[in-house]
C-alpha atoms as a PDB file:
ATOM      1  CA  UNK A   1    -126.499 -20.079  37.504  1.00  0.00           C
ATOM      2  CA  UNK A   2    -128.097 -22.686  35.663  1.00  0.00           C
ATOM      3  CA  UNK A   3    -129.473 -25.861  35.465  1.00  0.00           C
ATOM      4  CA  UNK A   4    -131.040 -28.802  33.606  1.00  0.00           C
ATOM      5  CA  UNK A   5    -134.822 -29.611  35.784  1.00  0.00           C
ATOM      6  CA  UNK A   6    -137.787 -31.564  35.239  1.00  0.00           C
ATOM      7  CA  UNK A   7    -138.504 -32.496  31.461  1.00  0.00           C
ATOM      8  CA  UNK A   8    -135.339 -30.948  30.205  1.00  0.00           C
ATOM      9  CA  UNK A   9    -135.916 -26.988  30.940  1.00  0.00           C
ATOM     10  CA  UNK A  10    -133.293 -24.502  31.453  1.00  0.00           C
ATOM     11  CA  UNK A  11    -134.317 -22.945  35.493  1.00  0.00           C
ATOM     12  CA  UNK A  12    -132.402 -20.697  36.357  1.00  0.00           C
ATOM     13  CA  UNK A  13    -131.097 -20.235  40.027  1.00  0.00           C
ATOM     14  CA  UNK A  14    -132.260 -17.796  41.946  1.00  0.00           C
ATOM     15  CA  UNK A  15    -132.569 -18.634  45.593  1.00  0.00           C
ATOM     16  CA  UNK A  16    -129.381 -19.706  46.844  1.00  0.00           C
ATOM     17  CA  UNK A  17    -129.017 -23.206  47.910  1.00  0.00           C
ATOM     18  CA  UNK A  18    -128.307 -24.845  51.435  1.00  0.00           C
ATOM     19  CA  UNK A  19    -127.817 -28.754  50.211  1.00  0.00           C
ATOM     20  CA  UNK A  20    -128.951 -30.734  47.352  1.00  0.00           C
ATOM     21  CA  UNK A  21    -129.953 -34.388  47.831  1.00  0.00           C
ATOM     22  CA  UNK A  22    -130.815 -37.140  44.558  1.00  0.00           C
ATOM     23  CA  UNK A  23    -134.134 -36.051  45.011  1.00  0.00           C
ATOM     24  CA  UNK A  24    -134.444 -32.521  46.644  1.00  0.00           C
ATOM     25  CA  UNK A  25    -133.228 -28.626  46.524  1.00  0.00           C
ATOM     26  CA  UNK A  26    -133.258 -27.979  50.704  1.00  0.00           C
ATOM     27  CA  UNK A  27    -132.769 -23.391  49.037  1.00  0.00           C
ATOM     28  CA  UNK A  28    -133.258 -20.391  51.490  1.00  0.00           C
ATOM     29  CA  UNK A  29    -136.866 -19.098  51.650  1.00  0.00           C
ATOM     30  CA  UNK A  30    -137.751 -15.783  50.168  1.00  0.00           C
ATOM     31  CA  UNK A  31    -140.822 -13.804  51.259  1.00  0.00           C
ATOM     32  CA  UNK A  32    -141.298 -14.897  47.589  1.00  0.00           C
ATOM     33  CA  UNK A  33    -142.789 -18.118  49.827  1.00  0.00           C
ATOM     34  CA  UNK A  34    -145.310 -17.106  51.915  1.00  0.00           C
ATOM     35  CA  UNK A  35    -148.788 -18.930  49.778  1.00  0.00           C
ATOM     36  CA  UNK A  36    -146.182 -22.055  50.051  1.00  0.00           C
ATOM     37  CA  UNK A  37    -146.196 -21.804  53.763  1.00  0.00           C
ATOM     38  CA  UNK A  38    -149.602 -21.194  53.845  1.00  0.00           C
ATOM     39  CA  UNK A  39    -150.663 -24.245  51.454  1.00  0.00           C
ATOM     40  CA  UNK A  40    -148.394 -26.184  53.558  1.00  0.00           C
ATOM     41  CA  UNK A  41    -150.315 -25.380  56.780  1.00  0.00           C
ATOM     42  CA  UNK A  42    -153.753 -25.427  55.656  1.00  0.00           C
ATOM     43  CA  UNK A  43    -153.550 -29.178  55.781  1.00  0.00           C
ATOM     44  CA  UNK A  44    -155.031 -30.736  58.937  1.00  0.00           C
ATOM     45  CA  UNK A  45    -153.361 -33.701  58.234  1.00  0.00           C
ATOM     46  CA  UNK A  46    -149.966 -31.630  57.989  1.00  0.00           C
ATOM     47  CA  UNK A  47    -150.766 -29.393  61.177  1.00  0.00           C
ATOM     48  CA  UNK A  48    -152.349 -32.962  62.823  1.00  0.00           C
ATOM     49  CA  UNK A  49    -149.534 -33.365  65.135  1.00  0.00           C
ATOM     50  CA  UNK A  50    -148.518 -29.879  65.078  1.00  0.00           C
ATOM     51  CA  UNK A  51    -151.712 -28.329  66.838  1.00  0.00           C
ATOM     52  CA  UNK A  52    -154.694 -30.669  66.101  1.00  0.00           C
ATOM     53  CA  UNK A  53    -154.979 -29.498  62.863  1.00  0.00           C
ATOM     54  CA  UNK A  54    -155.981 -25.939  62.572  1.00  0.00           C
ATOM     55  CA  UNK A  55    -154.647 -24.012  59.521  1.00  0.00           C
ATOM     56  CA  UNK A  56    -151.654 -21.449  59.879  1.00  0.00           C
ATOM     57  CA  UNK A  57    -152.891 -18.333  59.611  1.00  0.00           C
ATOM     58  CA  UNK A  58    -151.647 -15.686  56.000  1.00  0.00           C
ATOM     59  CA  UNK A  59    -151.414 -13.120  58.392  1.00  0.00           C
ATOM     60  CA  UNK A  60    -148.951 -15.124  61.352  1.00  0.00           C
ATOM     61  CA  UNK A  61    -147.435 -16.525  58.331  1.00  0.00           C
ATOM     62  CA  UNK A  62    -146.836 -13.565  57.389  1.00  0.00           C
ATOM     63  CA  UNK A  63    -145.814 -11.414  59.939  1.00  0.00           C
ATOM     64  CA  UNK A  64    -143.949 -13.817  63.036  1.00  0.00           C
ATOM     65  CA  UNK A  65    -143.341 -17.282  60.066  1.00  0.00           C
ATOM     66  CA  UNK A  66    -141.352 -16.068  57.700  1.00  0.00           C
ATOM     67  CA  UNK A  67    -139.588 -13.164  59.409  1.00  0.00           C
ATOM     68  CA  UNK A  68    -137.943 -15.887  61.892  1.00  0.00           C
ATOM     69  CA  UNK A  69    -137.049 -17.909  59.083  1.00  0.00           C
ATOM     70  CA  UNK A  70    -135.325 -14.981  57.232  1.00  0.00           C
ATOM     71  CA  UNK A  71    -133.837 -13.553  60.853  1.00  0.00           C
ATOM     72  CA  UNK A  72    -132.176 -17.630  61.096  1.00  0.00           C
ATOM     73  CA  UNK A  73    -130.191 -16.593  57.448  1.00  0.00           C
ATOM     74  CA  UNK A  74    -128.395 -13.424  59.536  1.00  0.00           C
ATOM     75  CA  UNK A  75    -127.827 -14.600  62.670  1.00  0.00           C
ATOM     76  CA  UNK A  76    -126.739 -18.519  61.776  1.00  0.00           C
ATOM     77  CA  UNK A  77    -123.630 -19.765  60.199  1.00  0.00           C
ATOM     78  CA  UNK A  78    -125.514 -21.933  57.746  1.00  0.00           C
ATOM     79  CA  UNK A  79    -128.265 -23.166  60.120  1.00  0.00           C
ATOM     80  CA  UNK A  80    -132.271 -22.503  59.546  1.00  0.00           C
ATOM     81  CA  UNK A  81    -135.369 -23.717  57.922  1.00  0.00           C
ATOM     82  CA  UNK A  82    -134.700 -24.523  54.181  1.00  0.00           C
ATOM     83  CA  UNK A  83    -137.590 -24.659  51.532  1.00  0.00           C
ATOM     84  CA  UNK A  84    -137.580 -28.358  50.602  1.00  0.00           C
ATOM     85  CA  UNK A  85    -137.734 -28.645  46.770  1.00  0.00           C
ATOM     86  CA  UNK A  86    -138.897 -31.533  44.257  1.00  0.00           C
ATOM     87  CA  UNK A  87    -135.856 -31.604  41.986  1.00  0.00           C
ATOM     88  CA  UNK A  88    -137.684 -33.052  39.146  1.00  0.00           C
ATOM     89  CA  UNK A  89    -141.065 -30.772  39.022  1.00  0.00           C
ATOM     90  CA  UNK A  90    -139.402 -27.513  41.088  1.00  0.00           C
ATOM     91  CA  UNK A  91    -142.470 -27.688  42.956  1.00  0.00           C
ATOM     92  CA  UNK A  92    -142.064 -26.343  46.651  1.00  0.00           C
ATOM     93  CA  UNK A  93    -142.686 -29.899  48.893  1.00  0.00           C
ATOM     94  CA  UNK A  94    -142.136 -28.330  52.368  1.00  0.00           C
ATOM     95  CA  UNK A  95    -139.715 -27.854  54.824  1.00  0.00           C
ATOM     96  CA  UNK A  96    -136.705 -29.180  56.785  1.00  0.00           C
ATOM     97  CA  UNK A  97    -134.799 -27.324  59.590  1.00  0.00           C
ATOM     98  CA  UNK A  98    -131.340 -27.350  60.765  1.00  0.00           C
ATOM     99  CA  UNK A  99    -130.987 -25.037  63.889  1.00  0.00           C
ATOM    100  CA  UNK A 100    -130.052 -24.502  67.587  1.00  0.00           C
ATOM    101  CA  UNK A 101    -132.436 -26.392  69.829  1.00  0.00           C
ATOM    102  CA  UNK A 102    -134.529 -24.270  71.821  1.00  0.00           C
ATOM    103  CA  UNK A 103    -134.385 -25.901  74.912  1.00  0.00           C
ATOM    104  CA  UNK A 104    -130.380 -26.769  75.260  1.00  0.00           C
ATOM    105  CA  UNK A 105    -128.931 -24.033  72.856  1.00  0.00           C
ATOM    106  CA  UNK A 106    -125.525 -27.172  72.833  1.00  0.00           C
ATOM    107  CA  UNK A 107    -128.152 -29.465  70.446  1.00  0.00           C
ATOM    108  CA  UNK A 108    -129.118 -29.447  67.077  1.00  0.00           C
ATOM    109  CA  UNK A 109    -132.559 -29.742  66.038  1.00  0.00           C
ATOM    110  CA  UNK A 110    -133.586 -31.669  63.425  1.00  0.00           C
ATOM    111  CA  UNK A 111    -137.298 -31.117  61.760  1.00  0.00           C
ATOM    112  CA  UNK A 112    -139.617 -31.627  58.303  1.00  0.00           C
ATOM    113  CA  UNK A 113    -142.791 -31.379  57.473  1.00  0.00           C
ATOM    114  CA  UNK A 114    -144.158 -32.230  54.106  1.00  0.00           C
ATOM    115  CA  UNK A 115    -147.347 -31.610  51.909  1.00  0.00           C
ATOM    116  CA  UNK A 116    -149.369 -34.365  51.962  1.00  0.00           C
ATOM    117  CA  UNK A 117    -148.436 -35.946  48.799  1.00  0.00           C
ATOM    118  CA  UNK A 118    -145.120 -36.650  49.019  1.00  0.00           C
ATOM    119  CA  UNK A 119    -145.168 -38.432  51.687  1.00  0.00           C
ATOM    120  CA  UNK A 120    -144.463 -42.080  51.798  1.00  0.00           C
ATOM    121  CA  UNK A 121    -141.423 -41.573  49.113  1.00  0.00           C
ATOM    122  CA  UNK A 122    -138.761 -41.265  51.456  1.00  0.00           C
ATOM    123  CA  UNK A 123    -138.094 -37.327  50.917  1.00  0.00           C
ATOM    124  CA  UNK A 124    -138.545 -37.220  55.352  1.00  0.00           C
ATOM    125  CA  UNK A 125    -135.853 -39.947  54.582  1.00  0.00           C
ATOM    126  CA  UNK A 126    -133.550 -38.528  52.583  1.00  0.00           C
ATOM    127  CA  UNK A 127    -133.159 -34.634  53.792  1.00  0.00           C
ATOM    128  CA  UNK A 128    -133.026 -35.907  56.861  1.00  0.00           C
ATOM    129  CA  UNK A 129    -129.915 -37.672  56.238  1.00  0.00           C
ATOM    130  CA  UNK A 130    -128.327 -35.379  54.027  1.00  0.00           C
ATOM    131  CA  UNK A 131    -129.065 -32.915  56.900  1.00  0.00           C
ATOM    132  CA  UNK A 132    -127.725 -35.011  59.734  1.00  0.00           C
ATOM    133  CA  UNK A 133    -124.306 -35.475  57.584  1.00  0.00           C
ATOM    134  CA  UNK A 134    -124.042 -31.761  57.722  1.00  0.00           C
ATOM    135  CA  UNK A 135    -124.333 -31.578  60.545  1.00  0.00           C
ATOM    136  CA  UNK A 136    -121.804 -33.468  62.431  1.00  0.00           C
ATOM    137  CA  UNK A 137    -119.452 -33.637  59.104  1.00  0.00           C
ATOM    138  CA  UNK A 138    -119.527 -29.676  58.805  1.00  0.00           C
ATOM    139  CA  UNK A 139    -120.853 -28.089  61.056  1.00  0.00           C
ATOM    140  CA  UNK A 140    -119.232 -30.092  64.220  1.00  0.00           C
ATOM    141  CA  UNK A 141    -122.574 -30.350  65.721  1.00  0.00           C
ATOM    142  CA  UNK A 142    -122.325 -32.809  69.228  1.00  0.00           C
ATOM    143  CA  UNK A 143    -125.729 -34.098  69.461  1.00  0.00           C
ATOM    144  CA  UNK A 144    -128.706 -33.896  66.865  1.00  0.00           C
ATOM    145  CA  UNK A 145    -132.313 -34.386  68.125  1.00  0.00           C
ATOM    146  CA  UNK A 146    -135.516 -34.166  66.806  1.00  0.00           C
ATOM    147  CA  UNK A 147    -138.686 -34.236  68.753  1.00  0.00           C
ATOM    148  CA  UNK A 148    -142.325 -35.782  67.787  1.00  0.00           C
ATOM    149  CA  UNK A 149    -145.776 -35.929  69.577  1.00  0.00           C
ATOM    150  CA  UNK A 150    -145.806 -39.919  70.410  1.00  0.00           C
ATOM    151  CA  UNK A 151    -148.560 -40.662  67.771  1.00  0.00           C
ATOM    152  CA  UNK A 152    -146.664 -39.128  64.675  1.00  0.00           C
ATOM    153  CA  UNK A 153    -145.345 -42.875  64.268  1.00  0.00           C
ATOM    154  CA  UNK A 154    -144.418 -41.778  60.218  1.00  0.00           C
ATOM    155  CA  UNK A 155    -141.691 -39.063  61.465  1.00  0.00           C
ATOM    156  CA  UNK A 156    -140.636 -41.543  64.182  1.00  0.00           C
ATOM    157  CA  UNK A 157    -139.757 -44.258  62.228  1.00  0.00           C
ATOM    158  CA  UNK A 158    -138.149 -41.212  60.107  1.00  0.00           C
ATOM    159  CA  UNK A 159    -135.545 -40.096  63.280  1.00  0.00           C
ATOM    160  CA  UNK A 160    -134.944 -44.083  63.335  1.00  0.00           C
ATOM    161  CA  UNK A 161    -134.372 -44.612  60.117  1.00  0.00           C
ATOM    162  CA  UNK A 162    -131.811 -41.361  59.775  1.00  0.00           C
ATOM    163  CA  UNK A 163    -130.050 -43.321  63.702  1.00  0.00           C
ATOM    164  CA  UNK A 164    -131.339 -41.241  65.888  1.00  0.00           C
ATOM    165  CA  UNK A 165    -132.540 -43.468  69.167  1.00  0.00           C
ATOM    166  CA  UNK A 166    -135.134 -42.279  71.382  1.00  0.00           C
ATOM    167  CA  UNK A 167    -133.796 -40.863  74.618  1.00  0.00           C
ATOM    168  CA  UNK A 168    -137.084 -40.284  76.795  1.00  0.00           C
ATOM    169  CA  UNK A 169    -140.868 -39.178  76.085  1.00  0.00           C
ATOM    170  CA  UNK A 170    -141.053 -35.691  78.085  1.00  0.00           C
ATOM    171  CA  UNK A 171    -144.178 -32.736  79.088  1.00  0.00           C
ATOM    172  CA  UNK A 172    -142.767 -29.592  77.231  1.00  0.00           C
ATOM    173  CA  UNK A 173    -143.596 -26.081  78.928  1.00  0.00           C
ATOM    174  CA  UNK A 174    -146.339 -25.496  76.755  1.00  0.00           C
ATOM    175  CA  UNK A 175    -147.630 -28.811  78.331  1.00  0.00           C
ATOM    176  CA  UNK A 176    -147.799 -30.691  74.671  1.00  0.00           C
ATOM    177  CA  UNK A 177    -146.077 -34.340  75.734  1.00  0.00           C
ATOM    178  CA  UNK A 178    -143.375 -35.064  73.055  1.00  0.00           C
ATOM    179  CA  UNK A 179    -141.239 -38.287  72.009  1.00  0.00           C
ATOM    180  CA  UNK A 180    -137.348 -36.646  72.235  1.00  0.00           C
ATOM    181  CA  UNK A 181    -134.885 -38.787  70.186  1.00  0.00           C
ATOM    182  CA  UNK A 182    -131.112 -38.263  69.837  1.00  0.00           C
ATOM    183  CA  UNK A 183    -127.733 -38.567  67.929  1.00  0.00           C
ATOM    184  CA  UNK A 184    -124.318 -37.962  69.595  1.00  0.00           C
ATOM    185  CA  UNK A 185    -121.494 -36.744  67.435  1.00  0.00           C
ATOM    186  CA  UNK A 186    -119.174 -40.241  68.742  1.00  0.00           C
ATOM    187  CA  UNK A 187    -121.772 -42.482  68.070  1.00  0.00           C
ATOM    188  CA  UNK A 188    -122.916 -41.305  64.169  1.00  0.00           C
ATOM    189  CA  UNK A 189    -118.780 -41.482  63.371  1.00  0.00           C
ATOM    190  CA  UNK A 190    -118.659 -44.875  65.854  1.00  0.00           C
ATOM    191  CA  UNK A 191    -121.107 -46.311  62.393  1.00  0.00           C
ATOM    192  CA  UNK A 192    -118.987 -45.305  59.755  1.00  0.00           C
ATOM    193  CA  UNK A 193    -116.269 -47.026  60.729  1.00  0.00           C
END
């Protein structure tokens, strides 16, 4: 399948596309994306609210992160972690996930991580809105939730813009304090009437 991208050049789509938005392509990761993940997680601003700004080692990404991402595609029906590609340039800009919540498998968890140079453009909101819609309208999710560090105001604003509502601040088993947001299926469809 060929598609026009960038400056009108024909680019072959070699990877499985999960969904598209006006500015983004969310596609499956492949082993070829290890450098993209290393680059993303080497920016201390990107990982600030995840681990205090420490880079994720290449070894950890190769041995833990990438196998887990690829296993989602084998184990889950239309849920997982998706590479986010800028439609205009074809550049890797980060990732989004829509997957079962580890703490409560009856819930679907929304998440995102973008390169700093793509912050402030509404891309996290655009991708998240498309995933919330897909979760409720195609995957029959009952609850979509997301969590963030309480100090991560930008991430919290994305959650609010896509319709998730603050539920509580809580401590996770690993000792990290998070804020939890959620949207129930009934409330999602009530807003669309």
